[in-house]
Each structure stands twice: as structure tokens, then as C-alpha cells.
N, C-alpha and C. Protein backbone atom coordinates (compact mmCIF):
# COMPACT_ATOMS: atom_id res chain seq x y z
N MET A 1 0.86 -1.16 -0.01
CA MET A 1 -0.02 0.01 0.01
C MET A 1 0.89 1.24 0.00
N LYS A 2 0.79 2.03 -1.00
CA LYS A 2 1.54 3.24 -1.10
C LYS A 2 0.67 4.44 -0.64
N ARG A 3 1.25 5.33 0.14
CA ARG A 3 0.55 6.51 0.65
C ARG A 3 0.03 7.30 -0.52
N THR A 4 -1.18 7.77 -0.40
CA THR A 4 -1.77 8.73 -1.42
C THR A 4 -1.76 10.12 -0.92
N HIS A 5 -1.76 10.34 0.41
CA HIS A 5 -1.81 11.64 1.02
C HIS A 5 -1.00 11.62 2.32
N HIS A 6 -0.53 12.80 2.68
CA HIS A 6 0.09 12.95 4.00
C HIS A 6 -1.07 13.15 5.02
N CYS A 7 -0.83 12.93 6.23
CA CYS A 7 -1.84 13.00 7.28
C CYS A 7 -2.40 14.40 7.56
N SER A 8 -1.80 15.39 6.96
CA SER A 8 -2.28 16.78 7.18
C SER A 8 -3.14 17.29 6.02
N GLU A 9 -3.31 16.49 4.98
CA GLU A 9 -3.94 16.97 3.76
C GLU A 9 -5.43 16.89 3.64
N LEU A 10 -6.05 15.93 4.35
CA LEU A 10 -7.46 15.65 4.06
C LEU A 10 -8.37 16.70 4.62
N ARG A 11 -9.28 17.15 3.72
CA ARG A 11 -10.30 18.18 4.05
C ARG A 11 -11.66 17.71 3.52
N PRO A 12 -12.68 18.50 3.78
CA PRO A 12 -14.03 18.11 3.25
C PRO A 12 -14.07 17.87 1.74
N ALA A 13 -13.17 18.56 0.97
CA ALA A 13 -13.12 18.32 -0.47
C ALA A 13 -12.76 16.90 -0.84
N HIS A 14 -12.17 16.14 0.11
CA HIS A 14 -11.73 14.77 -0.19
C HIS A 14 -12.84 13.72 0.19
N ILE A 15 -13.98 14.19 0.74
CA ILE A 15 -15.03 13.27 1.14
C ILE A 15 -15.45 12.40 -0.01
N GLY A 16 -15.54 11.07 0.27
CA GLY A 16 -15.88 10.08 -0.76
C GLY A 16 -14.71 9.43 -1.43
N GLN A 17 -13.52 10.05 -1.31
CA GLN A 17 -12.31 9.48 -1.96
C GLN A 17 -11.74 8.36 -1.10
N THR A 18 -11.13 7.38 -1.76
CA THR A 18 -10.43 6.32 -1.06
C THR A 18 -8.96 6.75 -1.01
N VAL A 19 -8.38 6.73 0.23
CA VAL A 19 -7.02 7.20 0.41
C VAL A 19 -6.20 6.20 1.21
N THR A 20 -4.90 6.26 1.12
CA THR A 20 -4.00 5.47 1.95
C THR A 20 -3.12 6.40 2.71
N LEU A 21 -3.07 6.22 4.02
CA LEU A 21 -2.16 6.97 4.91
C LEU A 21 -1.17 6.04 5.56
N SER A 22 0.06 6.53 5.71
CA SER A 22 1.08 5.74 6.39
C SER A 22 1.69 6.59 7.45
N GLY A 23 1.93 5.98 8.60
CA GLY A 23 2.58 6.71 9.72
C GLY A 23 2.53 6.01 10.98
N TRP A 24 2.74 6.68 12.06
CA TRP A 24 2.75 6.19 13.40
C TRP A 24 1.38 6.29 14.05
N VAL A 25 1.01 5.33 14.85
CA VAL A 25 -0.17 5.43 15.65
C VAL A 25 0.05 6.51 16.71
N HIS A 26 -0.70 7.56 16.68
CA HIS A 26 -0.59 8.64 17.67
C HIS A 26 -1.36 8.29 18.92
N SER A 27 -2.55 7.78 18.70
CA SER A 27 -3.43 7.33 19.86
C SER A 27 -4.45 6.34 19.31
N ARG A 28 -4.93 5.54 20.29
CA ARG A 28 -6.03 4.56 19.93
C ARG A 28 -7.08 4.71 21.06
N ARG A 29 -8.29 4.85 20.63
CA ARG A 29 -9.45 4.94 21.60
C ARG A 29 -10.53 3.90 21.16
N ASP A 30 -11.05 3.24 22.11
CA ASP A 30 -12.16 2.26 21.89
C ASP A 30 -13.38 2.83 22.55
N LEU A 31 -14.26 3.32 21.68
CA LEU A 31 -15.48 3.97 22.25
C LEU A 31 -16.73 3.28 21.65
N GLY A 32 -17.41 2.52 22.54
CA GLY A 32 -18.63 1.89 22.14
C GLY A 32 -18.46 0.87 21.05
N GLY A 33 -17.35 0.15 21.05
CA GLY A 33 -17.13 -0.88 20.06
C GLY A 33 -16.34 -0.40 18.76
N LEU A 34 -16.43 0.88 18.50
CA LEU A 34 -15.62 1.44 17.41
C LEU A 34 -14.23 1.75 17.93
N ILE A 35 -13.22 1.52 17.05
CA ILE A 35 -11.88 1.85 17.48
C ILE A 35 -11.46 3.08 16.63
N PHE A 36 -11.00 4.09 17.29
CA PHE A 36 -10.50 5.29 16.65
C PHE A 36 -8.99 5.33 16.79
N ILE A 37 -8.33 5.40 15.60
CA ILE A 37 -6.86 5.45 15.61
C ILE A 37 -6.42 6.73 14.93
N ASP A 38 -5.71 7.61 15.65
CA ASP A 38 -5.13 8.78 15.05
C ASP A 38 -3.80 8.36 14.49
N ILE A 39 -3.63 8.58 13.23
CA ILE A 39 -2.34 8.27 12.53
C ILE A 39 -1.63 9.56 12.24
N ARG A 40 -0.29 9.54 12.49
CA ARG A 40 0.57 10.71 12.43
C ARG A 40 1.74 10.47 11.48
N ASP A 41 2.02 11.49 10.69
CA ASP A 41 3.29 11.45 9.94
C ASP A 41 3.97 12.77 10.16
N ARG A 42 5.03 13.10 9.45
CA ARG A 42 5.81 14.34 9.71
C ARG A 42 4.98 15.60 9.38
N GLU A 43 3.87 15.45 8.68
CA GLU A 43 3.09 16.61 8.25
C GLU A 43 1.89 16.88 9.17
N GLY A 44 1.37 15.87 9.83
CA GLY A 44 0.18 16.15 10.66
C GLY A 44 -0.47 14.84 11.16
N ARG A 45 -1.79 14.92 11.41
CA ARG A 45 -2.49 13.85 12.00
C ARG A 45 -3.88 13.70 11.38
N THR A 46 -4.38 12.48 11.30
CA THR A 46 -5.75 12.25 10.79
C THR A 46 -6.38 11.11 11.62
N GLN A 47 -7.67 11.22 11.90
CA GLN A 47 -8.45 10.18 12.64
C GLN A 47 -8.88 9.15 11.69
N THR A 48 -8.69 7.84 12.02
CA THR A 48 -9.27 6.74 11.26
C THR A 48 -10.23 5.99 12.19
N VAL A 49 -11.22 5.33 11.56
CA VAL A 49 -12.23 4.60 12.34
C VAL A 49 -12.32 3.16 11.89
N PHE A 50 -12.29 2.25 12.83
CA PHE A 50 -12.51 0.83 12.60
C PHE A 50 -13.87 0.42 13.16
N ASP A 51 -14.77 -0.02 12.31
CA ASP A 51 -16.12 -0.43 12.69
C ASP A 51 -16.13 -1.99 12.67
N PRO A 52 -16.48 -2.63 13.77
CA PRO A 52 -16.45 -4.07 13.78
C PRO A 52 -17.38 -4.74 12.78
N SER A 53 -18.43 -4.06 12.33
CA SER A 53 -19.35 -4.62 11.38
C SER A 53 -18.72 -4.69 9.97
N ASP A 54 -17.60 -3.99 9.77
CA ASP A 54 -16.90 -4.00 8.44
C ASP A 54 -15.75 -4.94 8.44
N TRP A 55 -15.40 -5.63 9.54
CA TRP A 55 -14.20 -6.44 9.64
C TRP A 55 -14.50 -7.86 10.17
N THR A 56 -13.65 -8.82 9.89
CA THR A 56 -13.70 -10.09 10.53
C THR A 56 -13.30 -9.88 11.95
N LYS A 57 -13.67 -10.77 12.85
CA LYS A 57 -13.35 -10.70 14.24
C LYS A 57 -11.86 -10.66 14.41
N GLU A 58 -11.07 -11.47 13.68
CA GLU A 58 -9.68 -11.56 13.82
C GLU A 58 -8.96 -10.22 13.40
N LEU A 59 -9.40 -9.65 12.33
CA LEU A 59 -8.83 -8.37 11.88
C LEU A 59 -9.15 -7.21 12.83
N PHE A 60 -10.36 -7.22 13.33
CA PHE A 60 -10.75 -6.15 14.29
C PHE A 60 -9.94 -6.30 15.54
N GLU A 61 -9.75 -7.55 16.00
CA GLU A 61 -8.93 -7.71 17.19
C GLU A 61 -7.50 -7.32 16.93
N GLN A 62 -6.95 -7.55 15.70
CA GLN A 62 -5.61 -7.08 15.40
C GLN A 62 -5.56 -5.54 15.46
N ALA A 63 -6.57 -4.87 14.97
CA ALA A 63 -6.56 -3.39 15.00
C ALA A 63 -6.60 -2.98 16.52
N ALA A 64 -7.29 -3.70 17.33
CA ALA A 64 -7.36 -3.36 18.75
C ALA A 64 -5.99 -3.46 19.44
N THR A 65 -5.10 -4.24 18.94
CA THR A 65 -3.80 -4.39 19.56
C THR A 65 -2.78 -3.28 19.21
N LEU A 66 -3.17 -2.41 18.27
CA LEU A 66 -2.28 -1.33 17.87
C LEU A 66 -2.13 -0.40 19.08
N ARG A 67 -0.89 0.12 19.25
CA ARG A 67 -0.64 1.04 20.31
C ARG A 67 0.26 2.18 19.85
N SER A 68 0.45 3.17 20.67
CA SER A 68 1.21 4.32 20.32
C SER A 68 2.56 3.93 19.68
N GLU A 69 2.89 4.55 18.59
CA GLU A 69 4.15 4.45 17.86
C GLU A 69 4.25 3.21 16.98
N CYS A 70 3.20 2.37 16.92
CA CYS A 70 3.21 1.31 15.90
C CYS A 70 3.17 2.05 14.54
N VAL A 71 3.84 1.46 13.55
CA VAL A 71 3.83 2.02 12.22
C VAL A 71 2.86 1.26 11.39
N VAL A 72 1.91 1.95 10.71
CA VAL A 72 0.78 1.34 9.99
C VAL A 72 0.60 2.03 8.66
N SER A 73 -0.06 1.31 7.78
CA SER A 73 -0.58 1.85 6.55
C SER A 73 -2.11 1.55 6.52
N ILE A 74 -2.94 2.53 6.37
CA ILE A 74 -4.36 2.35 6.49
C ILE A 74 -5.00 2.90 5.21
N THR A 75 -5.84 2.11 4.58
CA THR A 75 -6.65 2.54 3.40
C THR A 75 -8.10 2.58 3.82
N GLY A 76 -8.79 3.67 3.32
CA GLY A 76 -10.18 3.78 3.62
C GLY A 76 -10.83 4.96 2.88
N LYS A 77 -12.09 5.13 3.15
CA LYS A 77 -12.86 6.18 2.53
C LYS A 77 -12.97 7.39 3.45
N VAL A 78 -12.72 8.57 2.93
CA VAL A 78 -12.85 9.81 3.66
C VAL A 78 -14.33 10.13 3.84
N ARG A 79 -14.71 10.50 5.03
CA ARG A 79 -16.09 10.90 5.33
C ARG A 79 -16.13 12.09 6.27
N GLN A 80 -17.25 12.76 6.31
CA GLN A 80 -17.45 13.87 7.25
C GLN A 80 -17.57 13.30 8.60
N ARG A 81 -16.97 13.90 9.58
CA ARG A 81 -17.20 13.45 10.97
C ARG A 81 -18.61 13.72 11.35
N PRO A 82 -19.17 12.85 12.22
CA PRO A 82 -20.57 13.07 12.63
C PRO A 82 -20.72 14.41 13.31
N ALA A 83 -21.91 14.96 13.28
CA ALA A 83 -22.13 16.31 13.89
C ALA A 83 -21.68 16.36 15.35
N GLY A 84 -20.98 17.44 15.66
CA GLY A 84 -20.55 17.65 17.00
C GLY A 84 -19.25 16.96 17.40
N THR A 85 -18.63 16.30 16.48
CA THR A 85 -17.33 15.57 16.74
C THR A 85 -16.13 16.21 16.06
N ASN A 86 -16.33 17.31 15.38
CA ASN A 86 -15.18 17.98 14.76
C ASN A 86 -14.10 18.30 15.76
N ASN A 87 -12.84 18.22 15.36
CA ASN A 87 -11.71 18.54 16.18
C ASN A 87 -11.01 19.86 15.66
N THR A 88 -11.28 20.94 16.18
CA THR A 88 -10.83 22.24 15.70
C THR A 88 -9.33 22.39 16.02
N LYS A 89 -8.71 21.47 16.78
CA LYS A 89 -7.30 21.59 17.15
C LYS A 89 -6.37 21.08 16.03
N ILE A 90 -6.90 20.34 15.05
CA ILE A 90 -6.13 19.88 13.95
C ILE A 90 -6.71 20.20 12.62
N PRO A 91 -5.93 20.46 11.61
CA PRO A 91 -6.46 20.91 10.28
C PRO A 91 -7.36 19.88 9.67
N THR A 92 -7.18 18.58 9.91
CA THR A 92 -8.06 17.54 9.37
C THR A 92 -9.24 17.24 10.20
N GLY A 93 -9.53 18.11 11.16
CA GLY A 93 -10.58 17.76 12.22
C GLY A 93 -11.99 17.74 11.70
N GLU A 94 -12.28 18.06 10.42
CA GLU A 94 -13.65 17.93 9.94
C GLU A 94 -13.94 16.62 9.28
N VAL A 95 -12.89 15.83 9.04
CA VAL A 95 -13.08 14.53 8.35
C VAL A 95 -12.39 13.41 9.08
N GLU A 96 -12.75 12.19 8.73
CA GLU A 96 -12.13 10.98 9.27
C GLU A 96 -12.10 9.91 8.12
N VAL A 97 -11.29 8.90 8.27
CA VAL A 97 -11.13 7.89 7.29
C VAL A 97 -11.71 6.60 7.87
N MET A 98 -12.77 6.04 7.19
CA MET A 98 -13.36 4.79 7.55
C MET A 98 -12.43 3.64 6.99
N ALA A 99 -11.69 3.01 7.90
CA ALA A 99 -10.74 2.04 7.52
C ALA A 99 -11.34 0.85 6.76
N GLN A 100 -10.79 0.47 5.58
CA GLN A 100 -11.21 -0.67 4.80
C GLN A 100 -10.15 -1.76 4.80
N SER A 101 -8.89 -1.31 4.92
CA SER A 101 -7.76 -2.29 5.05
C SER A 101 -6.65 -1.68 5.75
N PHE A 102 -5.77 -2.47 6.36
CA PHE A 102 -4.62 -1.89 7.01
C PHE A 102 -3.49 -2.91 7.01
N GLU A 103 -2.29 -2.38 7.14
CA GLU A 103 -1.11 -3.24 7.26
C GLU A 103 -0.24 -2.69 8.39
N VAL A 104 0.21 -3.63 9.26
CA VAL A 104 1.08 -3.26 10.35
C VAL A 104 2.53 -3.31 9.74
N LEU A 105 3.20 -2.21 9.63
CA LEU A 105 4.54 -2.21 9.10
C LEU A 105 5.56 -2.48 10.24
N ASN A 106 5.24 -2.08 11.44
CA ASN A 106 6.11 -2.38 12.57
C ASN A 106 5.28 -2.19 13.91
N MET A 107 5.37 -3.25 14.75
CA MET A 107 4.77 -3.16 16.06
C MET A 107 5.70 -2.50 16.98
N ALA A 108 5.21 -1.59 17.83
CA ALA A 108 6.06 -0.91 18.83
C ALA A 108 5.95 -1.65 20.18
N GLU A 109 7.05 -1.64 20.94
CA GLU A 109 7.00 -2.11 22.29
C GLU A 109 6.30 -1.07 23.14
N VAL A 110 5.90 -1.42 24.35
CA VAL A 110 5.32 -0.46 25.26
C VAL A 110 6.44 0.58 25.57
N LEU A 111 6.06 1.86 25.42
CA LEU A 111 7.08 2.85 25.58
C LEU A 111 7.28 3.24 27.14
N PRO A 112 8.47 3.63 27.54
CA PRO A 112 8.64 3.96 28.94
C PRO A 112 8.07 5.28 29.36
N PHE A 113 7.78 6.15 28.39
CA PHE A 113 7.20 7.44 28.67
C PHE A 113 6.48 7.92 27.41
N PRO A 114 5.54 8.83 27.50
CA PRO A 114 4.80 9.29 26.27
C PRO A 114 5.70 10.23 25.44
N VAL A 115 5.97 9.82 24.24
CA VAL A 115 6.88 10.63 23.36
C VAL A 115 6.16 11.90 22.85
N ASP A 116 4.82 11.94 22.86
CA ASP A 116 4.16 13.08 22.37
C ASP A 116 3.88 14.19 23.41
N ASP A 117 4.36 13.96 24.63
CA ASP A 117 4.23 14.93 25.69
C ASP A 117 5.63 15.60 25.84
N PRO A 118 5.82 16.85 25.34
CA PRO A 118 7.17 17.44 25.40
C PRO A 118 7.66 17.67 26.85
N GLU A 119 6.77 17.93 27.78
CA GLU A 119 7.23 18.15 29.17
C GLU A 119 7.86 16.91 29.69
N VAL A 120 7.28 15.75 29.46
CA VAL A 120 7.83 14.48 29.95
C VAL A 120 9.02 14.07 29.17
N ALA A 121 8.93 14.11 27.83
CA ALA A 121 9.99 13.63 26.97
C ALA A 121 11.30 14.48 27.16
N ASN A 122 11.15 15.77 27.42
CA ASN A 122 12.34 16.63 27.58
C ASN A 122 13.02 16.40 28.95
N LYS A 123 12.35 15.79 29.91
CA LYS A 123 12.93 15.55 31.20
C LYS A 123 13.75 14.28 31.25
N VAL A 124 13.53 13.40 30.26
CA VAL A 124 14.21 12.11 30.25
C VAL A 124 15.60 12.30 29.76
N ASN A 125 16.57 11.76 30.47
CA ASN A 125 17.95 11.81 30.12
C ASN A 125 18.42 10.61 29.40
């Protein structure tokens, strides 16, 4: 799977397009059975969504094992975020990618500290 866009590029104009993003797992949240994975590259961040009704049990469980700093490639369709869920803190906050396939390029070990928190990361010697 070759990347079609950087993680900072997707906007409402891309809704309906199938895209492939590659990068690090920034965060993973399991909310009501859906798994939300924010994927990050050097350019920015985009939210992806894994819906268990679209996946086999085994693949959904594999997505659930992803953790911060795993390297992945995710292909899916860009859609508008549901009303009231926009994230104004990131440029891609109006859209999300409904994951249709993914590949784990590298699994990360459990990190000793959060690398995305500059206060903590800068204190580590």
C-alpha cells in the first residue's frame, strides 16, 4: 500500500475518496465498540475509524492491539465526521477515514514514557 496523502492533507473536499495514509499510531481509543486510531506522519494527524461490522473478528482484534508508535498503513474512505465531533485543534478535524484495510509495518513495544508529551520527553535523560 503506497501512501496517497500525508496525514495533514485531508479536508471536506476529499469526502468520498479512497485514500491510503502511512505513519505512526498517535493514539487509539475504543469507544462503544468502534476503534478510533489517530495516525501521524511528519506533516500532521488524521483520525481513522475501525467499525467491527466491516471487519472479521480476527482483523478487528488485530486493530485493537495497535498502540502508540506502531507504524501502519491504512486505506479507507474519507467521510465527514458526525455532527458535534469535529476537532478544531487539527487541520483535518472535519473529516475521518473509515478504514477498509490496514497493514502493520512495525509493532512498537510499550514505551517507557509518552513521546508526544514534550514536558515528559524533555525531562528524560
